[in-house]
N, C-alpha and C. Protein backbone atom coordinates (compact mmCIF):
# COMPACT_ATOMS: atom_id res chain seq x y z
N MET A 1 -73.19 100.07 2.47
CA MET A 1 -72.48 101.22 3.42
C MET A 1 -71.33 100.48 4.13
N GLU A 2 -71.51 99.16 4.15
CA GLU A 2 -70.10 98.30 4.91
C GLU A 2 -69.10 98.16 3.89
N ASP A 3 -69.55 98.42 2.61
CA ASP A 3 -68.26 98.57 1.77
C ASP A 3 -67.55 99.89 1.42
N PHE A 4 -68.60 101.09 1.71
CA PHE A 4 -67.87 102.28 1.91
C PHE A 4 -66.98 102.36 3.25
N TYR A 5 -67.41 101.75 4.31
CA TYR A 5 -66.60 101.56 5.67
C TYR A 5 -65.34 101.05 5.34
N GLN A 6 -65.42 99.96 4.56
CA GLN A 6 -64.11 99.18 4.40
C GLN A 6 -63.20 99.86 3.32
N LYS A 7 -63.61 100.82 2.48
CA LYS A 7 -63.02 101.61 1.37
C LYS A 7 -62.33 102.76 2.03
N LEU A 8 -62.86 103.46 3.14
CA LEU A 8 -62.50 104.47 4.10
C LEU A 8 -61.57 104.05 4.86
N LEU A 9 -61.71 102.67 5.66
CA LEU A 9 -60.62 102.34 6.49
C LEU A 9 -59.34 101.89 5.58
N GLU A 10 -59.57 101.24 4.56
CA GLU A 10 -58.10 101.21 3.88
C GLU A 10 -57.65 102.26 3.29
N SER A 11 -58.47 103.34 2.94
CA SER A 11 -58.00 104.69 2.38
C SER A 11 -57.09 105.15 3.61
N SER A 12 -57.74 105.32 4.75
CA SER A 12 -57.14 105.78 5.94
C SER A 12 -55.83 105.10 6.32
N ILE A 13 -55.71 103.55 6.14
CA ILE A 13 -54.64 103.14 6.23
C ILE A 13 -53.45 103.58 5.51
N ARG A 14 -53.73 103.69 4.21
CA ARG A 14 -53.00 104.12 3.26
C ARG A 14 -52.15 105.49 3.27
N PHE A 15 -53.18 106.48 3.97
CA PHE A 15 -52.58 107.78 4.32
C PHE A 15 -51.87 107.73 5.65
N ILE A 16 -51.88 106.91 6.47
CA ILE A 16 -51.03 106.72 7.61
C ILE A 16 -49.75 106.11 7.40
N SER A 17 -50.00 105.39 6.28
CA SER A 17 -48.66 104.55 5.87
C SER A 17 -47.43 105.51 5.38
N PHE A 18 -48.02 106.70 5.21
CA PHE A 18 -46.80 107.67 4.53
C PHE A 18 -45.93 108.17 5.77
N ARG A 19 -46.67 108.55 6.82
CA ARG A 19 -45.73 108.80 8.01
C ARG A 19 -47.15 108.84 9.03
N PRO A 20 -46.54 108.84 10.38
CA PRO A 20 -47.77 108.83 11.56
C PRO A 20 -48.52 110.25 11.39
N ARG A 21 -49.99 109.93 11.88
CA ARG A 21 -50.92 111.00 11.73
C ARG A 21 -51.40 111.12 13.00
N SER A 22 -51.85 112.43 13.55
CA SER A 22 -52.51 112.76 14.60
C SER A 22 -53.96 112.21 14.41
N GLU A 23 -54.98 112.21 15.33
CA GLU A 23 -56.43 111.84 15.04
C GLU A 23 -56.95 113.11 14.46
N LYS A 24 -56.59 114.08 14.71
CA LYS A 24 -57.14 115.53 13.87
C LYS A 24 -56.72 115.37 12.44
N GLU A 25 -55.87 114.91 12.22
CA GLU A 25 -55.31 114.86 10.57
C GLU A 25 -56.23 113.91 9.87
N ILE A 26 -56.28 112.53 10.74
CA ILE A 26 -57.23 111.53 10.27
C ILE A 26 -58.71 112.05 10.11
N ARG A 27 -59.02 112.71 10.88
CA ARG A 27 -60.51 113.15 10.89
C ARG A 27 -60.78 114.08 9.87
N PHE A 28 -59.69 115.15 9.66
CA PHE A 28 -59.75 116.05 8.51
C PHE A 28 -59.72 115.19 7.21
N TYR A 29 -58.82 114.38 7.14
CA TYR A 29 -58.74 113.84 5.60
C TYR A 29 -59.97 113.03 5.69
N LEU A 30 -60.74 112.41 6.57
CA LEU A 30 -61.95 111.46 6.22
C LEU A 30 -63.01 112.50 6.04
N GLY A 31 -63.04 113.56 6.71
CA GLY A 31 -64.05 114.72 6.44
C GLY A 31 -64.06 115.18 4.89
N LYS A 32 -62.76 115.19 4.31
CA LYS A 32 -62.89 115.59 2.98
C LYS A 32 -63.26 114.34 2.21
N LYS A 33 -62.77 113.24 2.45
CA LYS A 33 -63.59 112.23 1.80
C LYS A 33 -65.02 112.01 1.92
N PHE A 34 -65.85 112.57 3.18
CA PHE A 34 -67.07 112.31 3.20
C PHE A 34 -67.65 113.38 2.16
N GLN A 35 -67.09 114.58 2.27
CA GLN A 35 -67.50 115.56 1.26
C GLN A 35 -67.70 115.22 -0.09
N LYS A 36 -66.70 114.74 -0.33
CA LYS A 36 -66.48 114.27 -1.94
C LYS A 36 -67.56 113.35 -2.20
N HIS A 37 -68.01 112.50 -1.34
CA HIS A 37 -69.09 111.26 -1.73
C HIS A 37 -70.56 111.98 -1.21
N LYS A 38 -70.44 113.06 -0.57
CA LYS A 38 -71.54 113.87 -0.22
C LYS A 38 -72.42 113.03 0.94
N ILE A 39 -71.59 112.63 1.78
CA ILE A 39 -72.11 111.81 2.73
C ILE A 39 -71.82 112.64 4.33
N SER A 40 -72.77 112.56 5.17
CA SER A 40 -72.44 113.17 6.60
C SER A 40 -72.88 111.92 7.61
N ASP A 41 -71.89 111.35 7.79
CA ASP A 41 -72.39 110.30 8.95
C ASP A 41 -71.24 110.14 10.12
N ALA A 42 -71.40 110.87 11.21
CA ALA A 42 -70.47 110.98 11.96
C ALA A 42 -70.13 109.62 12.87
N PRO A 43 -71.07 108.78 13.08
CA PRO A 43 -71.08 107.38 13.71
C PRO A 43 -69.99 106.50 12.75
N LEU A 44 -70.09 106.64 11.46
CA LEU A 44 -69.27 105.96 10.47
C LEU A 44 -67.77 106.47 10.87
N LEU A 45 -67.53 107.93 11.11
CA LEU A 45 -66.28 108.42 11.09
C LEU A 45 -65.80 108.07 12.44
N ASP A 46 -66.60 107.84 13.65
CA ASP A 46 -66.24 107.38 14.84
C ASP A 46 -65.78 106.04 14.56
N ARG A 47 -66.55 105.10 13.98
CA ARG A 47 -66.29 103.79 13.69
C ARG A 47 -64.87 103.59 13.18
N ILE A 48 -64.55 104.47 12.21
CA ILE A 48 -63.39 103.93 11.64
C ILE A 48 -62.20 104.49 12.49
N ILE A 49 -62.32 105.66 13.25
CA ILE A 49 -61.42 106.16 14.13
C ILE A 49 -61.31 105.17 15.13
N THR A 50 -62.11 104.39 15.68
CA THR A 50 -62.19 103.50 16.75
C THR A 50 -61.36 102.27 16.27
N ARG A 51 -61.70 101.98 15.06
CA ARG A 51 -61.07 100.76 14.59
C ARG A 51 -59.39 100.97 14.08
N LEU A 52 -59.05 102.19 13.86
CA LEU A 52 -57.73 102.74 13.78
C LEU A 52 -56.88 102.74 15.26
N ARG A 53 -57.65 103.09 16.03
CA ARG A 53 -57.01 102.94 17.39
C ARG A 53 -56.90 101.61 17.84
N GLU A 54 -57.85 100.70 17.77
CA GLU A 54 -57.52 99.15 18.03
C GLU A 54 -56.55 98.69 17.21
N LEU A 55 -56.19 99.23 16.17
CA LEU A 55 -54.99 98.55 15.34
C LEU A 55 -53.64 99.37 15.69
N ASP A 56 -53.82 100.39 16.64
CA ASP A 56 -52.93 101.18 17.07
C ASP A 56 -52.19 102.10 15.90
N TYR A 57 -52.83 102.51 14.81
CA TYR A 57 -52.65 103.32 13.91
C TYR A 57 -52.75 104.77 14.30
N VAL A 58 -53.74 105.03 15.23
CA VAL A 58 -54.04 106.25 15.64
C VAL A 58 -53.67 106.42 17.14
N ASN A 59 -52.57 107.08 17.44
CA ASN A 59 -52.17 107.26 18.99
C ASN A 59 -51.30 108.40 19.01
N ASP A 60 -52.04 109.24 19.43
CA ASP A 60 -51.64 110.88 19.71
C ASP A 60 -50.21 110.85 20.32
N ARG A 61 -50.10 109.98 21.53
CA ARG A 61 -49.18 109.81 22.07
C ARG A 61 -47.71 109.56 21.45
N LYS A 62 -47.93 108.52 20.63
CA LYS A 62 -46.85 108.21 19.76
C LYS A 62 -46.51 108.93 18.37
N PHE A 63 -47.64 109.71 18.15
CA PHE A 63 -47.40 110.81 17.08
C PHE A 63 -46.57 111.74 17.70
N ALA A 64 -46.95 112.22 18.72
CA ALA A 64 -46.26 113.42 19.36
C ALA A 64 -44.80 113.05 19.59
N ALA A 65 -44.56 112.17 20.15
CA ALA A 65 -43.07 111.62 20.25
C ALA A 65 -42.34 111.36 18.84
N TRP A 66 -43.02 110.90 17.94
CA TRP A 66 -42.46 110.95 16.72
C TRP A 66 -42.01 112.36 15.96
N TRP A 67 -42.87 113.08 16.24
CA TRP A 67 -42.85 114.73 15.81
C TRP A 67 -41.85 115.41 16.32
N VAL A 68 -41.81 115.19 17.74
CA VAL A 68 -40.65 116.01 18.35
C VAL A 68 -39.24 115.38 17.93
N GLU A 69 -39.14 113.95 17.95
CA GLU A 69 -38.12 113.20 17.10
C GLU A 69 -37.42 113.83 16.03
N GLN A 70 -38.84 113.93 14.93
CA GLN A 70 -38.16 114.33 13.64
C GLN A 70 -37.68 115.80 13.70
N ARG A 71 -38.45 116.57 14.38
CA ARG A 71 -37.89 117.92 14.56
C ARG A 71 -36.62 118.28 15.24
N GLN A 72 -36.44 117.15 16.17
CA GLN A 72 -34.97 117.41 16.60
C GLN A 72 -33.98 117.00 15.71
N ILE A 73 -34.13 115.91 14.83
CA ILE A 73 -33.17 115.53 13.82
C ILE A 73 -33.17 116.13 12.66
N HIS A 74 -34.17 116.45 11.86
CA HIS A 74 -34.20 116.87 10.63
C HIS A 74 -34.37 118.31 10.39
N LYS A 75 -35.40 119.02 11.35
CA LYS A 75 -35.45 120.45 11.11
C LYS A 75 -35.45 121.05 12.44
N PRO A 76 -34.14 121.18 13.10
CA PRO A 76 -34.23 121.78 14.46
C PRO A 76 -35.07 122.95 14.75
N LYS A 77 -35.70 122.73 15.95
CA LYS A 77 -36.64 123.88 16.51
C LYS A 77 -36.76 123.78 17.73
N GLY A 78 -37.02 125.18 18.22
CA GLY A 78 -37.11 125.11 19.67
C GLY A 78 -38.29 124.79 20.23
N MET A 79 -38.38 124.38 21.69
CA MET A 79 -39.66 123.82 22.22
C MET A 79 -40.62 124.52 22.07
N ARG A 80 -40.44 125.84 22.12
CA ARG A 80 -41.82 126.64 22.08
C ARG A 80 -42.65 126.21 20.72
N LEU A 81 -42.00 126.53 19.70
CA LEU A 81 -42.29 126.21 18.53
C LEU A 81 -43.10 124.65 18.01
N ILE A 82 -42.10 123.84 18.88
CA ILE A 82 -42.67 122.48 18.47
C ILE A 82 -44.02 122.29 19.26
N ALA A 83 -44.03 122.85 20.41
CA ALA A 83 -45.27 122.81 21.29
C ALA A 83 -46.51 123.30 20.43
N GLN A 84 -46.15 124.45 19.89
CA GLN A 84 -47.32 125.07 18.77
C GLN A 84 -47.53 124.22 17.54
N GLU A 85 -46.46 123.66 17.21
CA GLU A 85 -46.99 122.68 16.02
C GLU A 85 -47.65 121.53 16.51
N LEU A 86 -47.31 120.99 17.57
CA LEU A 86 -48.22 119.63 18.37
C LEU A 86 -49.70 120.27 18.32
N LYS A 87 -50.01 121.44 18.98
CA LYS A 87 -51.35 122.12 19.39
C LYS A 87 -52.33 122.10 17.97
N ALA A 88 -51.28 122.55 16.90
CA ALA A 88 -52.05 122.77 15.72
C ALA A 88 -52.49 121.25 15.02
N LYS A 89 -51.74 120.44 15.26
CA LYS A 89 -51.91 119.05 14.84
C LYS A 89 -53.06 118.19 15.83
N GLY A 90 -53.71 118.96 16.43
CA GLY A 90 -54.85 118.53 17.32
C GLY A 90 -54.17 117.80 18.50
N ILE A 91 -53.06 118.05 18.99
CA ILE A 91 -52.64 117.04 20.13
C ILE A 91 -53.13 117.98 21.37
N ASP A 92 -53.50 117.12 22.32
CA ASP A 92 -54.03 118.19 23.68
C ASP A 92 -53.21 118.70 24.37
N ARG A 93 -53.41 119.65 25.16
CA ARG A 93 -52.64 120.51 25.78
C ARG A 93 -51.74 119.78 26.89
N GLU A 94 -52.58 118.92 27.75
CA GLU A 94 -51.82 118.10 28.50
C GLU A 94 -50.81 117.15 27.97
N LEU A 95 -51.06 116.68 26.86
CA LEU A 95 -49.89 115.52 26.20
C LEU A 95 -48.99 116.50 25.66
N VAL A 96 -48.98 117.73 25.14
CA VAL A 96 -48.16 118.65 24.84
C VAL A 96 -47.04 118.87 25.85
N SER A 97 -47.63 119.23 27.06
CA SER A 97 -46.83 119.64 28.26
C SER A 97 -45.94 118.16 28.59
N VAL A 98 -46.74 117.20 28.62
CA VAL A 98 -46.11 115.93 28.95
C VAL A 98 -44.67 115.69 28.18
N MET A 99 -45.27 116.00 26.73
CA MET A 99 -44.03 115.92 25.81
C MET A 99 -42.73 116.74 25.87
N MET A 100 -43.24 118.19 26.20
CA MET A 100 -41.96 119.20 26.58
C MET A 100 -41.26 118.76 27.72
N GLN A 101 -41.90 117.88 28.57
CA GLN A 101 -41.16 117.59 30.15
C GLN A 101 -40.56 116.24 30.08
N SER A 102 -40.80 115.40 29.06
CA SER A 102 -40.10 114.03 29.01
C SER A 102 -38.90 113.93 28.55
N ASP A 103 -38.50 112.70 28.40
CA ASP A 103 -37.14 112.47 27.93
C ASP A 103 -37.04 112.97 26.46
N ASN A 104 -38.01 112.80 25.95
CA ASN A 104 -37.92 113.47 24.28
C ASN A 104 -37.63 114.91 24.13
N PHE A 105 -37.90 115.61 25.12
CA PHE A 105 -37.58 116.87 25.21
C PHE A 105 -37.16 117.28 26.55
N PRO A 106 -35.99 117.34 27.05
CA PRO A 106 -35.61 117.67 28.42
C PRO A 106 -36.26 118.93 28.86
N SER A 107 -36.59 118.79 30.17
CA SER A 107 -37.29 120.42 30.65
C SER A 107 -36.17 121.23 31.09
N GLY A 108 -36.57 122.42 31.48
CA GLY A 108 -35.75 123.45 32.06
C GLY A 108 -35.09 123.08 33.51
N ARG A 109 -35.68 122.13 34.22
CA ARG A 109 -35.24 121.81 35.59
C ARG A 109 -33.92 120.70 35.55
N GLU A 110 -33.69 120.24 34.19
CA GLU A 110 -32.72 119.42 34.20
C GLU A 110 -31.38 119.86 33.63
N GLN A 111 -30.19 119.47 33.94
CA GLN A 111 -29.10 120.11 33.59
C GLN A 111 -28.94 119.99 31.93
N ASN A 112 -29.25 118.96 31.28
CA ASN A 112 -29.09 118.78 29.92
C ASN A 112 -29.95 119.62 29.00
N TYR A 113 -30.88 120.15 29.62
CA TYR A 113 -31.83 121.25 28.78
C TYR A 113 -31.16 121.97 28.15
N GLN A 114 -30.33 122.63 28.58
CA GLN A 114 -29.43 123.90 27.87
C GLN A 114 -28.58 123.46 26.71
N ASP A 115 -27.79 122.25 27.30
CA ASP A 115 -26.94 121.55 26.12
C ASP A 115 -28.09 120.97 25.01
N THR A 116 -29.20 120.43 25.27
CA THR A 116 -30.14 119.99 24.15
C THR A 116 -30.44 121.26 23.17
N GLN A 117 -30.91 122.44 23.99
CA GLN A 117 -31.65 123.58 23.58
C GLN A 117 -30.36 124.21 22.58
N GLU A 118 -29.24 124.39 23.17
CA GLU A 118 -28.01 125.03 22.38
C GLU A 118 -27.58 124.26 21.28
N GLY A 119 -27.48 122.69 21.53
CA GLY A 119 -27.08 122.02 20.54
C GLY A 119 -28.11 121.98 19.16
N LEU A 120 -29.46 122.19 19.56
CA LEU A 120 -30.52 122.14 18.70
C LEU A 120 -30.26 123.40 17.82
N ALA A 121 -30.16 124.61 18.54
CA ALA A 121 -30.00 125.70 18.04
C ALA A 121 -28.74 125.84 17.04
N ARG A 122 -27.72 125.43 17.48
CA ARG A 122 -26.39 125.34 16.68
C ARG A 122 -26.63 124.42 15.35
N LYS A 123 -27.36 123.40 15.54
CA LYS A 123 -27.73 122.57 14.23
C LYS A 123 -28.54 123.56 13.20
N ALA A 124 -29.52 124.10 13.86
CA ALA A 124 -30.28 124.89 13.07
C ALA A 124 -29.63 126.00 12.37
N LEU A 125 -28.61 126.35 12.99
CA LEU A 125 -27.74 127.58 12.25
C LEU A 125 -26.78 127.09 11.50
N GLU A 126 -26.12 125.92 11.47
CA GLU A 126 -25.10 125.49 10.47
C GLU A 126 -25.43 126.04 9.21
N LYS A 127 -26.21 125.84 8.76
CA LYS A 127 -26.47 126.30 7.14
C LYS A 127 -26.35 127.54 6.90
N LYS A 128 -27.00 128.40 7.64
CA LYS A 128 -27.06 129.84 7.38
C LYS A 128 -26.10 130.78 7.95
N LEU A 129 -25.16 130.04 8.99
CA LEU A 129 -24.10 130.78 9.49
C LEU A 129 -22.94 131.17 8.37
N SER A 130 -22.72 130.51 7.33
CA SER A 130 -21.94 130.63 6.20
C SER A 130 -22.38 131.88 5.39
N LEU A 131 -23.54 132.19 5.45
CA LEU A 131 -24.14 133.29 4.34
C LEU A 131 -24.02 134.43 5.39
N TRP A 132 -23.80 134.51 6.63
CA TRP A 132 -23.85 135.75 7.38
C TRP A 132 -22.17 135.89 7.71
N ASP A 133 -21.28 135.25 7.35
CA ASP A 133 -19.97 135.29 7.72
C ASP A 133 -19.41 136.71 7.45
N LYS A 134 -19.55 137.05 6.37
CA LYS A 134 -19.00 138.65 5.94
C LYS A 134 -19.87 139.79 6.50
N LEU A 135 -20.86 139.59 7.41
CA LEU A 135 -21.66 140.77 7.85
C LEU A 135 -21.00 141.25 8.99
N PRO A 136 -21.22 142.48 9.21
CA PRO A 136 -20.76 143.08 10.48
C PRO A 136 -21.16 142.28 11.71
N LYS A 137 -20.47 142.28 12.97
CA LYS A 137 -20.90 141.62 13.85
C LYS A 137 -22.31 141.96 14.47
N LEU A 138 -22.72 143.09 14.51
CA LEU A 138 -23.87 143.34 15.10
C LEU A 138 -25.16 143.01 14.26
N GLU A 139 -24.65 143.17 12.80
CA GLU A 139 -25.87 142.69 11.94
C GLU A 139 -25.97 141.20 11.96
N GLN A 140 -24.81 140.51 12.05
CA GLN A 140 -24.88 139.13 12.01
C GLN A 140 -25.62 138.72 13.43
N LYS A 141 -25.58 139.46 14.62
CA LYS A 141 -26.31 139.04 15.63
C LYS A 141 -27.70 139.18 15.58
N LYS A 142 -28.12 140.44 14.80
CA LYS A 142 -29.46 140.49 14.57
C LYS A 142 -30.04 139.40 13.70
N LYS A 143 -29.28 138.97 12.79
CA LYS A 143 -29.77 137.61 11.91
C LYS A 143 -30.05 136.56 12.71
N ILE A 144 -28.84 136.19 13.28
CA ILE A 144 -29.00 135.01 14.11
C ILE A 144 -30.01 135.19 15.18
N TYR A 145 -30.26 136.13 15.94
CA TYR A 145 -31.26 136.41 16.95
C TYR A 145 -32.50 135.97 16.18
N GLY A 146 -33.00 136.83 15.30
CA GLY A 146 -34.34 136.59 14.32
C GLY A 146 -34.43 135.33 13.81
N PHE A 147 -33.50 134.55 13.29
CA PHE A 147 -33.63 133.29 12.81
C PHE A 147 -34.13 132.29 13.77
N LEU A 148 -33.04 132.35 15.16
CA LEU A 148 -33.50 131.27 15.88
C LEU A 148 -34.70 131.46 16.74
N GLY A 149 -35.10 132.89 16.99
CA GLY A 149 -36.39 133.15 17.50
C GLY A 149 -37.53 132.90 16.64
N ARG A 150 -37.45 133.17 15.48
CA ARG A 150 -38.49 132.28 14.65
C ARG A 150 -38.67 130.84 14.70
N ARG A 151 -37.50 130.26 14.83
CA ARG A 151 -37.60 128.70 15.23
C ARG A 151 -38.03 128.23 16.28
N GLY A 152 -38.29 129.31 17.14
CA GLY A 152 -38.84 128.91 18.57
C GLY A 152 -37.95 128.54 19.86
N PHE A 153 -36.83 129.15 19.72
CA PHE A 153 -35.62 128.90 20.64
C PHE A 153 -35.97 130.29 21.52
N ASP A 154 -35.57 130.09 22.95
CA ASP A 154 -35.89 131.28 23.89
C ASP A 154 -34.61 132.07 23.96
N GLY A 155 -34.69 133.41 24.34
CA GLY A 155 -33.75 134.37 24.25
C GLY A 155 -32.56 133.95 24.96
N GLU A 156 -32.75 133.24 25.85
CA GLU A 156 -31.31 132.87 26.93
C GLU A 156 -30.63 132.05 25.99
N VAL A 157 -31.22 130.98 25.38
CA VAL A 157 -30.51 129.95 24.57
C VAL A 157 -29.78 130.76 23.23
N ILE A 158 -30.34 131.61 22.90
CA ILE A 158 -30.34 132.42 21.64
C ILE A 158 -28.88 133.21 21.95
N GLY A 159 -29.12 133.97 23.14
CA GLY A 159 -27.96 134.64 23.57
C GLY A 159 -26.59 133.77 23.71
N ARG A 160 -26.64 132.57 24.45
CA ARG A 160 -25.56 131.95 24.55
C ARG A 160 -24.83 131.35 23.31
N VAL A 161 -25.53 130.84 22.28
CA VAL A 161 -25.25 130.33 21.03
C VAL A 161 -24.77 131.83 20.29
N ILE A 162 -25.33 133.04 20.39
CA ILE A 162 -24.71 134.12 19.89
C ILE A 162 -23.16 134.36 20.44
N ASP A 163 -23.03 134.25 21.60
CA ASP A 163 -22.05 134.50 22.38
C ASP A 163 -20.90 133.70 21.91
N GLU A 164 -21.40 132.18 21.77
CA GLU A 164 -20.33 131.28 21.18
C GLU A 164 -19.90 131.71 19.79
N VAL A 165 -20.81 132.18 18.86
CA VAL A 165 -20.38 132.21 17.63
C VAL A 165 -19.60 133.51 17.30
N VAL A 166 -19.96 134.37 18.20
CA VAL A 166 -18.96 135.60 18.06
C VAL A 166 -17.49 135.17 18.87
N ALA A 167 -17.43 134.37 19.74
CA ALA A 167 -15.89 134.24 20.43
C ALA A 167 -15.18 133.54 19.09
N ARG A 168 -16.04 132.30 18.48
CA ARG A 168 -15.62 131.70 17.41
C ARG A 168 -14.83 132.46 16.61
N LYS A 169 -15.67 133.51 16.03
CA LYS A 169 -15.28 134.45 14.84
C LYS A 169 -14.01 135.15 15.42
N VAL A 170 -13.91 135.73 16.77
CA VAL A 170 -12.96 136.36 17.06
C VAL A 170 -11.86 135.49 17.22
N GLN A 171 -11.85 134.13 17.56
CA GLN A 171 -10.63 133.56 17.53
C GLN A 171 -10.03 133.08 16.07
N SER A 172 -10.71 133.10 15.14
CA SER A 172 -10.57 132.83 13.73
C SER A 172 -9.66 133.78 13.10
């Protein structure tokens, strides 16, 4: 059983090496390994998770911060959708709330919240906007609203971005 523990620990570390993982993701991964070998051993699973925590490979707070950062840089999404993704990854609701109100994601009470949200919305819209340039203004607004809404941005932010896009279109 000790060999199996070592094998699973190494396999888990390899799994984590590709990108940070939440505890839920690692438990799911290990669960599949247990099923494959027809083993049902909760204490062994807990022992592996405990060891990964000791090595600081499993840290939901760091994972959540990383996830928010990745979403802001590579695939801009609104605060609401990122919170939903974190919950789906097994991140505790309280930690999600903390992440949404931290420096990683400025809260609505801070001045730069609007700038951050609008900037992310504009960034998300950059590639799509050229596809909709030829559309009538109303149709373009609908497309933008739907696209940004599905990306998790709130209506207020979407409205300001639409106004900005329309103003730019009128100026050109």
